PDB file of N, CA and C in Angstrom:
ATOM      1  N   MET A   1       0.852  -1.173   0.000  1.00  0.00           N
ATOM      2  CA  MET A   1       0.000   0.000   0.000  1.00  0.00           C
ATOM      3  C   MET A   1       0.901   1.242   0.000  1.00  0.00           C
ATOM      4  N   THR A   2       0.576   2.213  -0.844  1.00  0.00           N
ATOM      5  CA  THR A   2       1.365   3.445  -0.895  1.00  0.00           C
ATOM      6  C   THR A   2       1.027   4.331   0.297  1.00  0.00           C
ATOM      7  N   LEU A   3       1.869   5.321   0.542  1.00  0.00           N
ATOM      8  CA  LEU A   3       1.598   6.254   1.634  1.00  0.00           C
ATOM      9  C   LEU A   3       0.296   7.020   1.396  1.00  0.00           C
ATOM     10  N   ASP A   4       0.019   7.380   0.149  1.00  0.00           N
ATOM     11  CA  ASP A   4      -1.257   8.042  -0.144  1.00  0.00           C
ATOM     12  C   ASP A   4      -2.433   7.137   0.227  1.00  0.00           C
ATOM     13  N   GLU A   5      -2.339   5.863  -0.124  1.00  0.00           N
ATOM     14  CA  GLU A   5      -3.403   4.917   0.208  1.00  0.00           C
ATOM     15  C   GLU A   5      -3.551   4.747   1.719  1.00  0.00           C
ATOM     16  N   GLU A   6      -2.435   4.672   2.418  1.00  0.00           N
ATOM     17  CA  GLU A   6      -2.481   4.556   3.876  1.00  0.00           C
ATOM     18  C   GLU A   6      -3.109   5.798   4.508  1.00  0.00           C
ATOM     19  N   ALA A   7      -2.760   6.968   3.975  1.00  0.00           N
ATOM     20  CA  ALA A   7      -3.321   8.225   4.484  1.00  0.00           C
ATOM     21  C   ALA A   7      -4.827   8.260   4.290  1.00  0.00           C
ATOM     22  N   ILE A   8      -5.267   7.887   3.117  1.00  0.00           N
ATOM     23  CA  ILE A   8      -6.706   7.889   2.813  1.00  0.00           C
ATOM     24  C   ILE A   8      -7.436   6.882   3.707  1.00  0.00           C
ATOM     25  N   ALA A   9      -6.862   5.711   3.891  1.00  0.00           N
ATOM     26  CA  ALA A   9      -7.480   4.691   4.748  1.00  0.00           C
ATOM     27  C   ALA A   9      -7.585   5.176   6.197  1.00  0.00           C
ATOM     28  N   ALA A  10      -6.574   5.883   6.669  1.00  0.00           N
ATOM     29  CA  ALA A  10      -6.605   6.406   8.046  1.00  0.00           C
ATOM     30  C   ALA A  10      -7.742   7.416   8.203  1.00  0.00           C
ATOM     31  N   ILE A  11      -7.913   8.283   7.224  1.00  0.00           N
ATOM     32  CA  ILE A  11      -8.999   9.265   7.289  1.00  0.00           C
ATOM     33  C   ILE A  11     -10.344   8.554   7.258  1.00  0.00           C
ATOM     34  N   LYS A  12     -10.481   7.569   6.385  1.00  0.00           N
ATOM     35  CA  LYS A  12     -11.741   6.823   6.303  1.00  0.00           C
ATOM     36  C   LYS A  12     -12.079   6.178   7.643  1.00  0.00           C
ATOM     37  N   GLU A  13     -11.068   5.637   8.301  1.00  0.00           N
ATOM     38  CA  GLU A  13     -11.293   4.959   9.577  1.00  0.00           C
ATOM     39  C   GLU A  13     -11.743   5.926  10.678  1.00  0.00           C
ATOM     40  N   TYR A  14     -11.223   7.132  10.658  1.00  0.00           N
ATOM     41  CA  TYR A  14     -11.492   8.087  11.733  1.00  0.00           C
ATOM     42  C   TYR A  14     -12.368   9.266  11.309  1.00  0.00           C
ATOM     43  N   ILE A  15     -13.032   9.179  10.178  1.00  0.00           N
ATOM     44  CA  ILE A  15     -13.763  10.326   9.632  1.00  0.00           C
ATOM     45  C   ILE A  15     -14.821  10.867  10.586  1.00  0.00           C
ATOM     46  N   ASP A  16     -15.555   9.990  11.242  1.00  0.00           N
ATOM     47  CA  ASP A  16     -16.605  10.460  12.159  1.00  0.00           C
ATOM     48  C   ASP A  16     -16.016  11.283  13.300  1.00  0.00           C
ATOM     49  N   SER A  17     -14.946  10.808  13.880  1.00  0.00           N
ATOM     50  CA  SER A  17     -14.307  11.508  14.990  1.00  0.00           C
ATOM     51  C   SER A  17     -13.699  12.835  14.530  1.00  0.00           C
ATOM     52  N   ILE A  18     -13.028  12.824  13.392  1.00  0.00           N
ATOM     53  CA  ILE A  18     -12.417  14.048  12.866  1.00  0.00           C
ATOM     54  C   ILE A  18     -13.488  15.097  12.615  1.00  0.00           C
ATOM     55  N   ALA A  19     -14.558  14.696  11.947  1.00  0.00           N
ATOM     56  CA  ALA A  19     -15.633  15.640  11.614  1.00  0.00           C
ATOM     57  C   ALA A  19     -16.295  16.193  12.880  1.00  0.00           C
ATOM     58  N   MET A  20     -16.598  15.331  13.820  1.00  0.00           N
ATOM     59  CA  MET A  20     -17.261  15.778  15.044  1.00  0.00           C
ATOM     60  C   MET A  20     -16.372  16.730  15.839  1.00  0.00           C
ATOM     61  N   ASN A  21     -15.093  16.418  15.937  1.00  0.00           N
ATOM     62  CA  ASN A  21     -14.172  17.307  16.649  1.00  0.00           C
ATOM     63  C   ASN A  21     -14.071  18.664  15.968  1.00  0.00           C
ATOM     64  N   ALA A  22     -14.026  18.674  14.644  1.00  0.00           N
ATOM     65  CA  ALA A  22     -13.952  19.939  13.908  1.00  0.00           C
ATOM     66  C   ALA A  22     -15.213  20.772  14.138  1.00  0.00           C
ATOM     67  N   VAL A  23     -16.376  20.158  14.024  1.00  0.00           N
ATOM     68  CA  VAL A  23     -17.637  20.874  14.229  1.00  0.00           C
ATOM     69  C   VAL A  23     -17.722  21.395  15.656  1.00  0.00           C
ATOM     70  N   ASN A  24     -17.406  20.548  16.627  1.00  0.00           N
ATOM     71  CA  ASN A  24     -17.494  20.969  18.029  1.00  0.00           C
ATOM     72  C   ASN A  24     -16.564  22.134  18.343  1.00  0.00           C
ATOM     73  N   MET A  25     -15.329  22.062  17.864  1.00  0.00           N
ATOM     74  CA  MET A  25     -14.368  23.112  18.157  1.00  0.00           C
ATOM     75  C   MET A  25     -14.810  24.448  17.548  1.00  0.00           C
ATOM     76  N   VAL A  26     -15.251  24.412  16.303  1.00  0.00           N
ATOM     77  CA  VAL A  26     -15.684  25.647  15.645  1.00  0.00           C
ATOM     78  C   VAL A  26     -16.979  26.161  16.267  1.00  0.00           C
ATOM     79  N   TYR A  27     -17.885  25.257  16.614  1.00  0.00           N
ATOM     80  CA  TYR A  27     -19.156  25.657  17.234  1.00  0.00           C
ATOM     81  C   TYR A  27     -18.899  26.397  18.549  1.00  0.00           C
ATOM     82  N   GLU A  28     -17.987  25.860  19.353  1.00  0.00           N
ATOM     83  CA  GLU A  28     -17.672  26.485  20.641  1.00  0.00           C
ATOM     84  C   GLU A  28     -17.056  27.871  20.466  1.00  0.00           C
ATOM     85  N   ALA A  29     -16.344  28.072  19.369  1.00  0.00           N
ATOM     86  CA  ALA A  29     -15.701  29.361  19.114  1.00  0.00           C
ATOM     87  C   ALA A  29     -16.622  30.338  18.374  1.00  0.00           C
ATOM     88  N   SER A  30     -17.757  29.852  17.897  1.00  0.00           N
ATOM     89  CA  SER A  30     -18.676  30.699  17.143  1.00  0.00           C
ATOM     90  C   SER A  30     -19.450  31.629  18.063  1.00  0.00           C
ATOM     91  N   GLY A  31     -19.791  32.751  17.496  1.00  0.00           N
ATOM     92  CA  GLY A  31     -20.593  33.707  18.244  1.00  0.00           C
ATOM     93  C   GLY A  31     -21.913  33.963  17.553  1.00  0.00           C
ATOM     94  N   ARG A  32     -22.661  34.813  18.135  1.00  0.00           N
ATOM     95  CA  ARG A  32     -23.979  35.160  17.622  1.00  0.00           C
ATOM     96  C   ARG A  32     -23.909  35.744  16.202  1.00  0.00           C
ATOM     97  N   ASP A  33     -22.798  36.408  15.888  1.00  0.00           N
ATOM     98  CA  ASP A  33     -22.644  37.061  14.593  1.00  0.00           C
ATOM     99  C   ASP A  33     -21.982  36.177  13.538  1.00  0.00           C
ATOM    100  N   THR A  34     -21.681  34.939  13.878  1.00  0.00           N
ATOM    101  CA  THR A  34     -21.041  34.029  12.929  1.00  0.00           C
ATOM    102  C   THR A  34     -22.055  33.603  11.876  1.00  0.00           C
ATOM    103  N   SER A  35     -21.713  33.816  10.620  1.00  0.00           N
ATOM    104  CA  SER A  35     -22.605  33.382   9.542  1.00  0.00           C
ATOM    105  C   SER A  35     -22.400  31.888   9.275  1.00  0.00           C
ATOM    106  N   PHE A  36     -23.362  31.304   8.605  1.00  0.00           N
ATOM    107  CA  PHE A  36     -23.266  29.903   8.231  1.00  0.00           C
ATOM    108  C   PHE A  36     -22.035  29.681   7.353  1.00  0.00           C
ATOM    109  N   ALA A  37     -21.799  30.580   6.395  1.00  0.00           N
ATOM    110  CA  ALA A  37     -20.648  30.450   5.493  1.00  0.00           C
ATOM    111  C   ALA A  37     -19.336  30.505   6.267  1.00  0.00           C
ATOM    112  N   GLU A  38     -19.227  31.409   7.219  1.00  0.00           N
ATOM    113  CA  GLU A  38     -18.019  31.506   8.050  1.00  0.00           C
ATOM    114  C   GLU A  38     -17.829  30.238   8.867  1.00  0.00           C
ATOM    115  N   PHE A  39     -18.932  29.740   9.420  1.00  0.00           N
ATOM    116  CA  PHE A  39     -18.890  28.517  10.215  1.00  0.00           C
ATOM    117  C   PHE A  39     -18.384  27.349   9.367  1.00  0.00           C
ATOM    118  N   MET A  40     -18.960  27.188   8.185  1.00  0.00           N
ATOM    119  CA  MET A  40     -18.579  26.067   7.330  1.00  0.00           C
ATOM    120  C   MET A  40     -17.140  26.182   6.839  1.00  0.00           C
ATOM    121  N   GLU A  41     -16.693  27.382   6.556  1.00  0.00           N
ATOM    122  CA  GLU A  41     -15.300  27.572   6.140  1.00  0.00           C
ATOM    123  C   GLU A  41     -14.361  27.179   7.278  1.00  0.00           C
ATOM    124  N   ALA A  42     -14.690  27.581   8.487  1.00  0.00           N
ATOM    125  CA  ALA A  42     -13.867  27.244   9.649  1.00  0.00           C
ATOM    126  C   ALA A  42     -13.895  25.739   9.924  1.00  0.00           C
ATOM    127  N   VAL A  43     -15.060  25.104   9.765  1.00  0.00           N
ATOM    128  CA  VAL A  43     -15.156  23.651   9.957  1.00  0.00           C
ATOM    129  C   VAL A  43     -14.271  22.934   8.937  1.00  0.00           C
ATOM    130  N   THR A  44     -14.324  23.375   7.697  1.00  0.00           N
ATOM    131  CA  THR A  44     -13.512  22.761   6.643  1.00  0.00           C
ATOM    132  C   THR A  44     -12.025  22.901   6.948  1.00  0.00           C
ATOM    133  N   MET A  45     -11.631  24.069   7.392  1.00  0.00           N
ATOM    134  CA  MET A  45     -10.220  24.285   7.734  1.00  0.00           C
ATOM    135  C   MET A  45      -9.790  23.375   8.882  1.00  0.00           C
ATOM    136  N   LYS A  46     -10.629  23.270   9.928  1.00  0.00           N
ATOM    137  CA  LYS A  46     -10.295  22.409  11.076  1.00  0.00           C
ATOM    138  C   LYS A  46     -10.285  20.944  10.666  1.00  0.00           C
ATOM    139  N   PHE A  47     -11.250  20.545   9.847  1.00  0.00           N
ATOM    140  CA  PHE A  47     -11.308  19.162   9.370  1.00  0.00           C
ATOM    141  C   PHE A  47     -10.014  18.814   8.636  1.00  0.00           C
ATOM    142  N   ASN A  48      -9.589  19.697   7.756  1.00  0.00           N
ATOM    143  CA  ASN A  48      -8.347  19.465   7.010  1.00  0.00           C
ATOM    144  C   ASN A  48      -7.144  19.402   7.938  1.00  0.00           C
ATOM    145  N   GLN A  49      -7.080  20.305   8.907  1.00  0.00           N
ATOM    146  CA  GLN A  49      -5.956  20.304   9.844  1.00  0.00           C
ATOM    147  C   GLN A  49      -5.940  19.016  10.663  1.00  0.00           C
ATOM    148  N   PHE A  50      -7.091  18.644  11.224  1.00  0.00           N
ATOM    149  CA  PHE A  50      -7.144  17.427  12.034  1.00  0.00           C
ATOM    150  C   PHE A  50      -6.797  16.191  11.200  1.00  0.00           C
ATOM    151  N   SER A  51      -7.259  16.156   9.962  1.00  0.00           N
ATOM    152  CA  SER A  51      -6.957  15.037   9.068  1.00  0.00           C
ATOM    153  C   SER A  51      -5.462  14.969   8.783  1.00  0.00           C
ATOM    154  N   ALA A  52      -4.880  16.121   8.463  1.00  0.00           N
ATOM    155  CA  ALA A  52      -3.449  16.167   8.162  1.00  0.00           C
ATOM    156  C   ALA A  52      -2.632  15.724   9.360  1.00  0.00           C
ATOM    157  N   GLU A  53      -2.987  16.202  10.518  1.00  0.00           N
ATOM    158  CA  GLU A  53      -2.228  15.866  11.721  1.00  0.00           C
ATOM    159  C   GLU A  53      -2.397  14.399  12.114  1.00  0.00           C
ATOM    160  N   LEU A  54      -3.567  13.825  11.862  1.00  0.00           N
ATOM    161  CA  LEU A  54      -3.769  12.393  12.104  1.00  0.00           C
ATOM    162  C   LEU A  54      -2.852  11.585  11.203  1.00  0.00           C
ATOM    163  N   VAL A  55      -2.820  11.926   9.922  1.00  0.00           N
ATOM    164  CA  VAL A  55      -1.967  11.203   8.982  1.00  0.00           C
ATOM    165  C   VAL A  55      -0.492  11.390   9.348  1.00  0.00           C
ATOM    166  N   ALA A  56      -0.112  12.604   9.704  1.00  0.00           N
ATOM    167  CA  ALA A  56       1.276  12.852  10.097  1.00  0.00           C
ATOM    168  C   ALA A  56       1.660  11.960  11.269  1.00  0.00           C
ATOM    169  N   SER A  57       0.782  11.862  12.239  1.00  0.00           N
ATOM    170  CA  SER A  57       1.066  11.092  13.442  1.00  0.00           C
ATOM    171  C   SER A  57       0.991   9.585  13.207  1.00  0.00           C
ATOM    172  N   GLU A  58      -0.132   9.136  12.664  1.00  0.00           N
ATOM    173  CA  GLU A  58      -0.407   7.694  12.576  1.00  0.00           C
ATOM    174  C   GLU A  58       0.247   6.994  11.392  1.00  0.00           C
ATOM    175  N   VAL A  59       0.359   7.681  10.274  1.00  0.00           N
ATOM    176  CA  VAL A  59       0.901   7.046   9.065  1.00  0.00           C
ATOM    177  C   VAL A  59       2.375   7.384   8.877  1.00  0.00           C
ATOM    178  N   LEU A  60       2.722   8.644   9.110  1.00  0.00           N
ATOM    179  CA  LEU A  60       4.084   9.096   8.832  1.00  0.00           C
ATOM    180  C   LEU A  60       4.980   9.119  10.070  1.00  0.00           C
ATOM    181  N   ASN A  61       4.397   8.860  11.232  1.00  0.00           N
ATOM    182  CA  ASN A  61       5.140   8.803  12.497  1.00  0.00           C
ATOM    183  C   ASN A  61       5.905  10.083  12.811  1.00  0.00           C
ATOM    184  N   VAL A  62       5.286  11.221  12.504  1.00  0.00           N
ATOM    185  CA  VAL A  62       5.884  12.506  12.860  1.00  0.00           C
ATOM    186  C   VAL A  62       5.601  12.732  14.349  1.00  0.00           C
ATOM    187  N   PRO A  63       6.617  13.056  15.133  1.00  0.00           N
ATOM    188  CA  PRO A  63       6.406  13.255  16.572  1.00  0.00           C
ATOM    189  C   PRO A  63       5.419  14.395  16.855  1.00  0.00           C
ATOM    190  N   PRO A  64       4.596  14.248  17.895  1.00  0.00           N
ATOM    191  CA  PRO A  64       3.607  15.282  18.230  1.00  0.00           C
ATOM    192  C   PRO A  64       4.208  16.675  18.377  1.00  0.00           C
ATOM    193  N   ARG A  65       5.374  16.770  18.982  1.00  0.00           N
ATOM    194  CA  ARG A  65       5.997  18.084  19.176  1.00  0.00           C
ATOM    195  C   ARG A  65       6.312  18.739  17.827  1.00  0.00           C
ATOM    196  N   THR A  66       6.746  17.947  16.868  1.00  0.00           N
ATOM    197  CA  THR A  66       7.036  18.477  15.533  1.00  0.00           C
ATOM    198  C   THR A  66       5.754  18.944  14.869  1.00  0.00           C
ATOM    199  N   ILE A  67       4.691  18.168  14.992  1.00  0.00           N
ATOM    200  CA  ILE A  67       3.400  18.544  14.407  1.00  0.00           C
ATOM    201  C   ILE A  67       2.929  19.871  14.991  1.00  0.00           C
ATOM    202  N   GLU A  68       2.973  19.972  16.297  1.00  0.00           N
ATOM    203  CA  GLU A  68       2.503  21.183  16.979  1.00  0.00           C
ATOM    204  C   GLU A  68       3.351  22.401  16.645  1.00  0.00           C
ATOM    205  N   SER A  69       4.613  22.186  16.332  1.00  0.00           N
ATOM    206  CA  SER A  69       5.529  23.293  16.072  1.00  0.00           C
ATOM    207  C   SER A  69       5.471  23.808  14.638  1.00  0.00           C
ATOM    208  N   PHE A  70       4.867  23.056  13.754  1.00  0.00           N
ATOM    209  CA  PHE A  70       4.819  23.447  12.344  1.00  0.00           C
ATOM    210  C   PHE A  70       4.069  24.754  12.165  1.00  0.00           C
ATOM    211  N   ASN A  71       4.478  25.504  11.164  1.00  0.00           N
ATOM    212  CA  ASN A  71       3.810  26.753  10.774  1.00  0.00           C
ATOM    213  C   ASN A  71       3.662  27.722  11.941  1.00  0.00           C
ATOM    214  N   GLY A  72       4.747  27.902  12.633  1.00  0.00           N
ATOM    215  CA  GLY A  72       4.745  28.859  13.738  1.00  0.00           C
ATOM    216  C   GLY A  72       3.838  28.468  14.887  1.00  0.00           C
ATOM    217  N   GLY A  73       3.603  27.178  15.055  1.00  0.00           N
ATOM    218  CA  GLY A  73       2.761  26.694  16.143  1.00  0.00           C
ATOM    219  C   GLY A  73       1.313  26.468  15.761  1.00  0.00           C
ATOM    220  N   ASP A  74       0.978  26.678  14.491  1.00  0.00           N
ATOM    221  CA  ASP A  74      -0.405  26.467  14.032  1.00  0.00           C
ATOM    222  C   ASP A  74      -0.684  25.025  13.632  1.00  0.00           C
ATOM    223  N   GLY A  75       0.332  24.174  13.621  1.00  0.00           N
ATOM    224  CA  GLY A  75       0.142  22.782  13.248  1.00  0.00           C
ATOM    225  C   GLY A  75       0.367  22.550  11.770  1.00  0.00           C
ATOM    226  N   MET A  76       0.129  21.319  11.352  1.00  0.00           N
ATOM    227  CA  MET A  76       0.398  20.924   9.973  1.00  0.00           C
ATOM    228  C   MET A  76      -0.829  21.105   9.090  1.00  0.00           C
ATOM    229  N   THR A  77      -0.556  21.360   7.820  1.00  0.00           N
ATOM    230  CA  THR A  77      -1.608  21.478   6.822  1.00  0.00           C
ATOM    231  C   THR A  77      -1.593  20.245   5.924  1.00  0.00           C
ATOM    232  N   VAL A  78      -2.629  20.121   5.114  1.00  0.00           N
ATOM    233  CA  VAL A  78      -2.687  19.041   4.138  1.00  0.00           C
ATOM    234  C   VAL A  78      -1.468  19.122   3.212  1.00  0.00           C
ATOM    235  N   GLU A  79      -1.106  20.333   2.820  1.00  0.00           N
ATOM    236  CA  GLU A  79       0.041  20.512   1.925  1.00  0.00           C
ATOM    237  C   GLU A  79       1.340  20.047   2.584  1.00  0.00           C
ATOM    238  N   ASP A  80       1.510  20.339   3.868  1.00  0.00           N
ATOM    239  CA  ASP A  80       2.696  19.882   4.590  1.00  0.00           C
ATOM    240  C   ASP A  80       2.787  18.359   4.568  1.00  0.00           C
ATOM    241  N   VAL A  81       1.666  17.709   4.837  1.00  0.00           N
ATOM    242  CA  VAL A  81       1.640  16.248   4.884  1.00  0.00           C
ATOM    243  C   VAL A  81       1.852  15.659   3.492  1.00  0.00           C
ATOM    244  N   GLN A  82       1.247  16.270   2.479  1.00  0.00           N
ATOM    245  CA  GLN A  82       1.441  15.762   1.113  1.00  0.00           C
ATOM    246  C   GLN A  82       2.899  15.879   0.698  1.00  0.00           C
ATOM    247  N   ASP A  83       3.566  16.938   1.113  1.00  0.00           N
ATOM    248  CA  ASP A  83       4.996  17.083   0.814  1.00  0.00           C
ATOM    249  C   ASP A  83       5.793  15.926   1.414  1.00  0.00           C
ATOM    250  N   ILE A  84       5.448  15.536   2.628  1.00  0.00           N
ATOM    251  CA  ILE A  84       6.142  14.415   3.273  1.00  0.00           C
ATOM    252  C   ILE A  84       5.831  13.115   2.538  1.00  0.00           C
ATOM    253  N   ILE A  85       4.580  12.916   2.183  1.00  0.00           N
ATOM    254  CA  ILE A  85       4.192  11.712   1.432  1.00  0.00           C
ATOM    255  C   ILE A  85       4.951  11.664   0.110  1.00  0.00           C
ATOM    256  N   ASP A  86       4.982  12.796  -0.594  1.00  0.00           N
ATOM    257  CA  ASP A  86       5.671  12.854  -1.889  1.00  0.00           C
ATOM    258  C   ASP A  86       7.174  12.624  -1.755  1.00  0.00           C
ATOM    259  N   ASN A  87       7.693  12.834  -0.555  1.00  0.00           N
ATOM    260  CA  ASN A  87       9.111  12.630  -0.273  1.00  0.00           C
ATOM    261  C   ASN A  87       9.332  11.255   0.384  1.00  0.00           C
ATOM    262  N   ASP A  88       8.450  10.316   0.079  1.00  0.00           N
ATOM    263  CA  ASP A  88       8.543   8.938   0.591  1.00  0.00           C
ATOM    264  C   ASP A  88       8.570   8.855   2.106  1.00  0.00           C
ATOM    265  N   GLY A  89       7.838   9.760   2.759  1.00  0.00           N
ATOM    266  CA  GLY A  89       7.711   9.706   4.206  1.00  0.00           C
ATOM    267  C   GLY A  89       8.811  10.407   4.963  1.00  0.00           C
ATOM    268  N   GLU A  90       9.733  11.027   4.253  1.00  0.00           N
ATOM    269  CA  GLU A  90      10.850  11.718   4.906  1.00  0.00           C
ATOM    270  C   GLU A  90      10.496  13.182   5.125  1.00  0.00           C
ATOM    271  N   LEU A  91      10.698  13.640   6.333  1.00  0.00           N
ATOM    272  CA  LEU A  91      10.462  15.039   6.684  1.00  0.00           C
ATOM    273  C   LEU A  91      11.733  15.812   6.419  1.00  0.00           C
ATOM    274  N   GLU A  92      11.688  16.645   5.378  1.00  0.00           N
ATOM    275  CA  GLU A  92      12.832  17.492   5.060  1.00  0.00           C
ATOM    276  C   GLU A  92      12.456  18.923   5.348  1.00  0.00           C
ATOM    277  N   LEU A  93      13.339  19.622   6.022  1.00  0.00           N
ATOM    278  CA  LEU A  93      13.082  21.014   6.357  1.00  0.00           C
ATOM    279  C   LEU A  93      13.974  21.918   5.536  1.00  0.00           C
ATOM    280  N   ASP A  94      13.358  22.885   4.861  1.00  0.00           N
ATOM    281  CA  ASP A  94      14.125  23.926   4.190  1.00  0.00           C
ATOM    282  C   ASP A  94      14.595  24.889   5.264  1.00  0.00           C
ATOM    283  N   ASP A  95      15.500  25.777   4.917  1.00  0.00           N
ATOM    284  CA  ASP A  95      15.955  26.778   5.888  1.00  0.00           C
ATOM    285  C   ASP A  95      14.776  27.570   6.444  1.00  0.00           C
ATOM    286  N   GLY A  96      13.815  27.917   5.598  1.00  0.00           N
ATOM    287  CA  GLY A  96      12.648  28.661   6.059  1.00  0.00           C
ATOM    288  C   GLY A  96      11.751  27.846   6.968  1.00  0.00           C
ATOM    289  N   ASP A  97      11.689  26.528   6.737  1.00  0.00           N
ATOM    290  CA  ASP A  97      10.855  25.664   7.569  1.00  0.00           C
ATOM    291  C   ASP A  97      11.389  25.564   8.991  1.00  0.00           C
ATOM    292  N   GLU A  98      12.699  25.641   9.134  1.00  0.00           N
ATOM    293  CA  GLU A  98      13.265  25.544  10.472  1.00  0.00           C
ATOM    294  C   GLU A  98      12.771  26.695  11.341  1.00  0.00           C
ATOM    295  N   ASP A  99      12.568  27.858  10.731  1.00  0.00           N
ATOM    296  CA  ASP A  99      12.018  28.979  11.484  1.00  0.00           C
ATOM    297  C   ASP A  99      10.617  28.687  11.949  1.00  0.00           C
ATOM    298  N   ASP A 100       9.857  27.921  11.144  1.00  0.00           N
ATOM    299  CA  ASP A 100       8.478  27.584  11.513  1.00  0.00           C
ATOM    300  C   ASP A 100       8.423  26.647  12.709  1.00  0.00           C
ATOM    301  N   LEU A 101       9.482  25.915  12.957  1.00  0.00           N
ATOM    302  CA  LEU A 101       9.486  24.964  14.069  1.00  0.00           C
ATOM    303  C   LEU A 101       9.864  25.615  15.389  1.00  0.00           C
ATOM    304  N   HIS A 102      10.318  26.834  15.367  1.00  0.00           N
ATOM    305  CA  HIS A 102      10.749  27.495  16.609  1.00  0.00           C
ATOM    306  C   HIS A 102       9.762  28.538  17.044  1.00  0.00           C
TER     307      HIS A 102
END
């Protein structure tokens, strides 16, 4: 099974939990003035982040501290994880990426 296939299978296995956590987190942060469109955009962003971080942790074995430190402490994105997958599971940091980890 390729890393892409493993990543997709991991998301399929945990989709209910990922989706519920994303909805709950955004719902708790929503206010009276939050529009439906804003809510859904935020849910989509959280869903993608949680999915990426699950794959990073469970499939690619990226340490939690590294995941949390990515992007200036904002965590990993789908693009970050795809870069690792495309690099055969190896986490390579450019000079600019090292700044994101600190």
